[in-house]
Protein backbone atom coordinates (compact mmCIF):
# COMPACT_ATOMS: atom_id res chain seq x y z
CA MET A 1 5.94 14.63 69.26
CA ALA A 2 7.61 11.48 71.16
CA ARG A 3 5.11 8.90 70.10
CA GLU A 4 5.49 10.30 66.82
CA PHE A 5 9.01 10.17 66.58
CA PRO A 6 10.76 8.22 69.34
CA ARG A 7 13.91 8.16 67.88
CA LEU A 8 13.86 12.00 67.92
CA ALA A 9 13.01 11.68 71.61
CA PHE A 10 15.86 9.76 71.71
CA LEU A 11 18.41 11.88 71.03
CA CYS A 12 16.58 15.09 72.50
CA HIS A 13 18.24 13.58 75.72
CA PHE A 14 21.12 14.61 74.48
CA ARG A 15 21.08 18.24 74.20
CA ASN A 16 23.36 19.26 77.29
CA LEU A 17 26.02 16.85 75.95
CA SER A 18 25.67 18.40 72.45
CA PRO A 19 28.95 20.72 72.99
CA CYS A 20 31.32 17.67 73.89
CA LEU A 21 30.07 15.83 71.12
CA GLY A 22 32.26 17.63 68.89
CA SER A 23 30.87 20.41 65.70
CA SER A 24 30.08 17.22 63.40
CA THR A 25 27.49 15.58 65.94
CA ALA A 26 26.60 18.84 67.59
CA SER A 27 25.88 20.23 64.33
CA ARG A 28 23.27 17.67 62.91
CA TYR A 29 20.86 19.25 65.89
CA SER A 30 19.65 22.55 66.97
CA ARG A 31 17.94 24.01 69.84
CA THR A 32 14.85 26.35 69.70
CA GLN A 33 13.74 28.51 72.32
CA ASN A 34 11.22 26.58 74.44
CA ASP A 35 14.30 24.27 74.72
CA SER A 36 13.26 21.76 72.13
CA CYS A 37 16.16 19.36 69.44
CA VAL A 38 15.05 19.60 66.27
CA GLN A 39 16.35 17.10 64.13
CA VAL A 40 18.21 18.57 61.01
CA ALA A 41 20.02 15.84 59.27
CA ARG A 42 18.24 13.48 56.91
CA TYR A 43 17.59 9.83 58.26
CA ARG A 44 17.03 7.69 55.67
CA ALA A 45 16.38 3.98 57.07
CA PRO A 46 18.06 0.71 56.07
CA PRO A 47 16.75 -1.21 53.81
CA PHE A 48 15.13 -4.40 54.74
CA PRO A 49 17.04 -7.67 54.81
CA LEU A 50 16.74 -9.41 51.16
CA ASP A 51 15.69 -13.47 51.32
CA ARG A 52 18.36 -14.38 48.57
CA SER A 53 17.57 -18.28 49.47
CA ARG A 54 17.10 -20.73 46.05
CA TYR A 55 13.68 -21.16 44.93
CA ILE A 56 13.30 -24.52 42.67
CA PRO A 57 9.46 -24.76 41.96
CA ASP A 58 7.86 -28.47 42.53
CA LYS A 59 6.46 -28.39 39.16
CA SER A 60 4.15 -31.68 40.43
CA ASP A 61 3.14 -29.84 43.14
CA PRO A 62 -0.52 -28.72 41.57
CA LYS A 63 -0.25 -25.32 43.80
CA THR A 64 2.52 -24.56 41.59
CA PRO A 65 1.25 -21.56 39.45
CA GLU A 66 0.94 -22.63 35.79
CA PHE A 67 4.09 -20.01 34.11
CA GLN A 68 6.56 -21.68 37.09
CA LYS A 69 6.15 -24.82 34.47
CA THR A 70 7.04 -23.28 31.78
CA LEU A 71 10.46 -23.68 29.64
CA LYS A 72 11.00 -19.78 30.32
CA PHE A 73 11.02 -20.27 33.69
CA ASP A 74 13.03 -22.68 33.78
CA ARG A 75 15.88 -21.14 31.63
CA LYS A 76 15.18 -18.25 33.65
CA LEU A 77 16.05 -20.03 36.65
CA TRP A 78 19.01 -21.84 35.44
CA GLY A 79 20.44 -18.00 34.32
CA ARG A 80 19.67 -17.11 37.63
CA HIS A 81 21.36 -19.97 39.88
CA GLY A 82 23.59 -21.52 36.98
CA GLU A 83 24.22 -25.56 37.97
CA ALA A 84 22.43 -24.83 41.55
CA SER A 85 19.15 -24.86 40.13
CA GLY A 86 19.90 -28.68 39.29
CA LEU A 87 18.72 -27.87 35.37
CA ASP A 88 20.12 -29.08 32.51
CA PRO A 89 21.56 -26.19 30.38
CA SER A 90 21.08 -27.39 26.95
CA ILE A 91 17.34 -26.15 27.84
CA CYS A 92 18.44 -22.55 27.32
CA TRP A 93 19.05 -23.55 23.55
CA PRO A 94 16.33 -22.92 21.31
CA THR A 95 14.79 -25.64 20.16
CA LYS A 96 14.12 -26.39 16.29
CA ALA A 97 10.51 -24.67 16.01
CA GLU A 98 11.80 -21.72 18.01
CA LEU A 99 15.12 -21.67 15.57
CA ALA A 100 12.65 -22.09 12.84
CA GLU A 101 10.74 -18.95 13.69
CA MET A 102 14.38 -16.84 14.86
CA GLN A 103 15.40 -17.31 11.19
CA GLU A 104 12.27 -16.49 9.16
CA GLU A 105 11.97 -13.99 11.74
CA GLU A 106 15.37 -12.88 10.83
CA ARG A 107 14.51 -13.45 6.90
CA ASP A 108 11.09 -10.82 7.16
CA TRP A 109 13.11 -7.84 9.12
CA SER A 110 16.85 -8.17 8.67
CA PRO A 111 17.58 -9.08 4.61
CA THR A 112 20.52 -10.21 3.19
CA LEU A 113 23.32 -8.61 1.59
CA GLN A 114 22.44 -9.04 -2.24
CA GLU A 115 18.40 -8.12 -1.26
CA MET A 116 19.84 -4.67 0.49
CA GLN A 117 22.39 -4.63 -2.85
CA GLN A 118 19.31 -4.94 -5.45
CA SER A 119 16.79 -2.71 -3.45
CA ILE A 120 19.57 0.28 -3.89
CA ALA A 121 19.80 -0.46 -7.23
CA ILE A 122 17.11 -0.26 -7.65
CA LYS A 123 15.96 2.47 -6.05
CA ARG A 124 18.81 4.13 -8.03
CA SER A 125 17.23 3.27 -11.11
CA ALA A 126 14.14 4.54 -10.74
CA GLU A 127 15.00 8.38 -8.75
CA GLU A 128 18.21 8.57 -12.25
CA SER A 129 14.93 7.83 -14.69
CA ASP A 130 12.86 10.30 -12.37
CA ARG A 131 15.74 12.60 -13.16
CA LEU A 132 16.11 11.96 -16.64
CA ALA A 133 12.20 13.12 -17.24
CA ARG A 134 11.97 16.07 -15.57
CA GLU A 135 14.85 17.64 -17.62
CA LYS A 136 13.33 16.38 -20.67
CA ARG A 137 9.74 18.28 -19.36
CA ILE A 138 11.97 21.34 -18.42
CA ALA A 139 13.72 21.31 -22.05
CA ALA A 140 10.23 21.14 -23.42
CA ASN A 141 8.77 24.09 -21.45
CA MET A 142 12.39 26.31 -22.64
CA VAL A 143 11.42 25.47 -26.38
CA ARG A 144 8.18 26.25 -25.55
CA MET A 145 8.15 28.99 -23.53
CA PRO A 146 8.75 32.23 -25.55
CA LYS A 147 5.56 30.94 -27.67
CA LEU A 148 3.66 30.46 -23.62
CA ILE A 149 4.86 34.23 -22.49
CA GLU A 150 3.45 35.14 -26.32
CA GLN A 151 0.40 33.76 -25.71
CA VAL A 152 -0.11 35.14 -22.39
CA TYR A 153 0.21 38.74 -23.21
CA GLU A 154 -1.83 37.85 -26.33
CA GLU A 155 -4.42 36.63 -24.31
CA ARG A 156 -4.32 39.62 -21.78
CA ARG A 157 -4.29 42.10 -24.45
CA LEU A 158 -7.59 40.90 -25.91
CA LYS A 159 -9.63 40.55 -22.52
CA LYS A 160 -8.16 44.17 -21.74
CA GLU A 161 -9.29 45.36 -25.31
CA GLN A 162 -12.90 42.97 -24.66
CA LEU A 163 -13.04 45.08 -21.35
CA GLU A 164 -12.57 48.33 -22.84
CA GLU A 165 -15.07 47.85 -25.49
CA THR A 166 -17.62 46.43 -23.19
CA LYS A 167 -17.01 50.13 -20.93
CA LYS A 168 -17.69 51.75 -24.21
CA SER A 169 -20.65 50.43 -25.37
CA LYS A 170 -22.06 50.30 -21.75
CA GLU A 171 -21.67 54.11 -21.78
CA ARG A 172 -23.27 54.37 -25.63
CA LEU A 173 -26.44 52.63 -24.35
CA ILE A 174 -26.43 54.51 -21.41
CA ALA A 175 -26.19 57.80 -23.37
CA GLN A 176 -28.50 56.81 -25.86
CA ALA A 177 -31.31 55.58 -22.87
CA ARG A 178 -30.78 58.84 -20.87
CA GLU A 179 -31.21 60.25 -24.86
CA ARG A 180 -33.97 59.32 -25.11
CA LEU A 181 -35.58 59.88 -21.46
CA GLY A 182 -34.43 63.12 -21.66
CA TYR A 183 -33.99 63.22 -18.00
CA ASN A 184 -30.92 61.35 -16.22
CA VAL A 185 -31.70 58.00 -14.47
CA HIS A 186 -29.73 56.43 -12.58
CA PRO A 187 -29.07 52.81 -13.47
CA SER A 188 -29.83 50.19 -11.69
CA SER A 189 -34.38 51.85 -11.93
CA PRO A 190 -36.33 49.64 -13.97
CA LYS A 191 -37.29 52.01 -16.10
CA PHE A 192 -33.53 52.72 -16.85
CA VAL A 193 -33.14 48.99 -17.38
CA ALA A 194 -36.25 48.64 -19.70
CA MET A 195 -34.48 51.15 -22.06
CA ILE A 196 -30.81 49.00 -22.01
CA GLU A 197 -33.08 45.76 -23.29
CA GLU A 198 -34.80 47.60 -25.86
CA ILE A 199 -31.87 49.31 -27.09
CA GLU A 200 -29.91 45.93 -27.09
CA ASN A 201 -33.26 44.39 -28.85
CA GLU A 202 -32.60 46.09 -32.00
CA GLU A 203 -29.36 47.09 -31.82
CA ARG A 204 -29.11 43.07 -31.72
CA LYS A 205 -31.84 42.55 -34.44
CA GLN A 206 -30.55 45.04 -37.14
CA LYS A 207 -26.91 43.21 -36.82
CA LYS A 208 -28.97 40.23 -37.35
CA LYS A 209 -30.36 42.19 -40.84
CA ALA A 210 -27.32 43.27 -42.12
CA LYS A 211 -26.18 39.84 -41.44
CA ARG A 212 -28.47 38.94 -43.63
CA ALA A 213 -28.29 41.23 -46.20
CA LYS A 214 -24.21 40.19 -46.53
CA GLN A 215 -25.74 36.78 -47.22
CA GLU A 216 -28.27 38.13 -49.86
CA ALA A 217 -25.27 40.13 -51.28
CA ILE A 218 -22.82 37.33 -51.55
CA LYS A 219 -24.95 35.35 -53.09
CA GLU A 220 -25.95 37.40 -55.92
CA ALA A 221 -22.58 38.09 -56.35
CA PHE A 222 -22.14 34.58 -57.18
CA LYS A 223 -25.09 33.80 -58.88
CA ALA A 224 -23.79 37.15 -61.62
CA ALA A 225 -20.05 35.88 -61.63
CA MET A 226 -21.52 31.67 -62.97
CA ALA A 227 -23.79 33.90 -65.39
CA THR A 228 -21.12 35.93 -66.95
CA ALA A 229 -19.35 32.64 -66.73
CA GLU A 230 -22.22 30.52 -68.79
CA ALA A 231 -22.65 33.25 -70.92
CA ALA A 232 -18.70 33.30 -71.72
CA LYS A 233 -18.65 29.52 -72.38
CA ILE A 234 -21.83 29.62 -74.37
CA GLN A 235 -20.39 31.98 -76.63
CA ASP A 236 -17.94 29.73 -77.39
CA GLY A 237 -19.71 27.04 -78.06
CA ALA A 238 -19.33 24.68 -73.75
CA THR A 239 -21.95 24.75 -71.37
CA ILE A 240 -21.89 24.58 -67.36
CA ASN A 241 -23.29 22.35 -66.04
CA THR A 242 -25.27 24.01 -62.73
CA ASP A 243 -26.73 21.59 -61.43
CA ILE A 244 -23.16 19.09 -59.80
CA PRO A 245 -23.54 18.29 -56.31
CA LEU A 246 -20.64 20.12 -53.84
CA LYS A 247 -18.11 17.82 -52.66
CA PRO A 248 -18.99 16.17 -50.07
CA HIS A 249 -17.54 16.60 -46.44
CA LYS A 250 -14.81 14.55 -45.16
CA ASN A 251 -17.07 13.56 -42.07
CA GLN A 252 -19.57 12.42 -44.39
CA THR A 253 -17.32 10.66 -46.70
CA ASP A 254 -15.92 8.45 -43.65
CA GLN A 255 -19.73 6.99 -42.74
């Protein structure tokens, strides 16, 4: 222990004098069962003395580092030692190149008052135009809102009707297929699916046939009306030219 802590071993010699040293000194040490002195207070060694002598590098010496030969280092020496450094204080002022660089940096990062006012005016003008456009758009949408709401309700109604119609059509097809087969078949069975397709094809053919018959009826009615009109004109001594071409479509006239 004496090798590791020589100061502590030296102080342990005064363990018998601790009652005479007073309460402030005795409180810094305590005894253990083996009659060894243990230091309680913390110990901090004094700092090493600093060498405050001036160091002025010799620029003519080749062993002097390059950074100690720069203008920046000279300015640092003058700021640390003042006139004792033996340097000209005018080196602390920026050169023309440094001053131009500083002015350029100031123009880039620190705009003038007029430039700041102009940028603020442009920003406020843009915000005002955006606000007016937004208010105009809101007013236009508010005018259209009743019509849009009605359109949404109409679309929902049509969709609901379409779903109901599809459901009824499907139920009707299922009923017809089961009636033709004569027994209940699961809708996913191939026989049932084939029967549904057959019924749908038949209905599709019937719709085409009905549409064609309707068109033929319209043509016959038109011919009958034209014959009646022609007979009436012949009785009056005039004729109707039925070979007059129809009026061309608008897209055809444009071409």
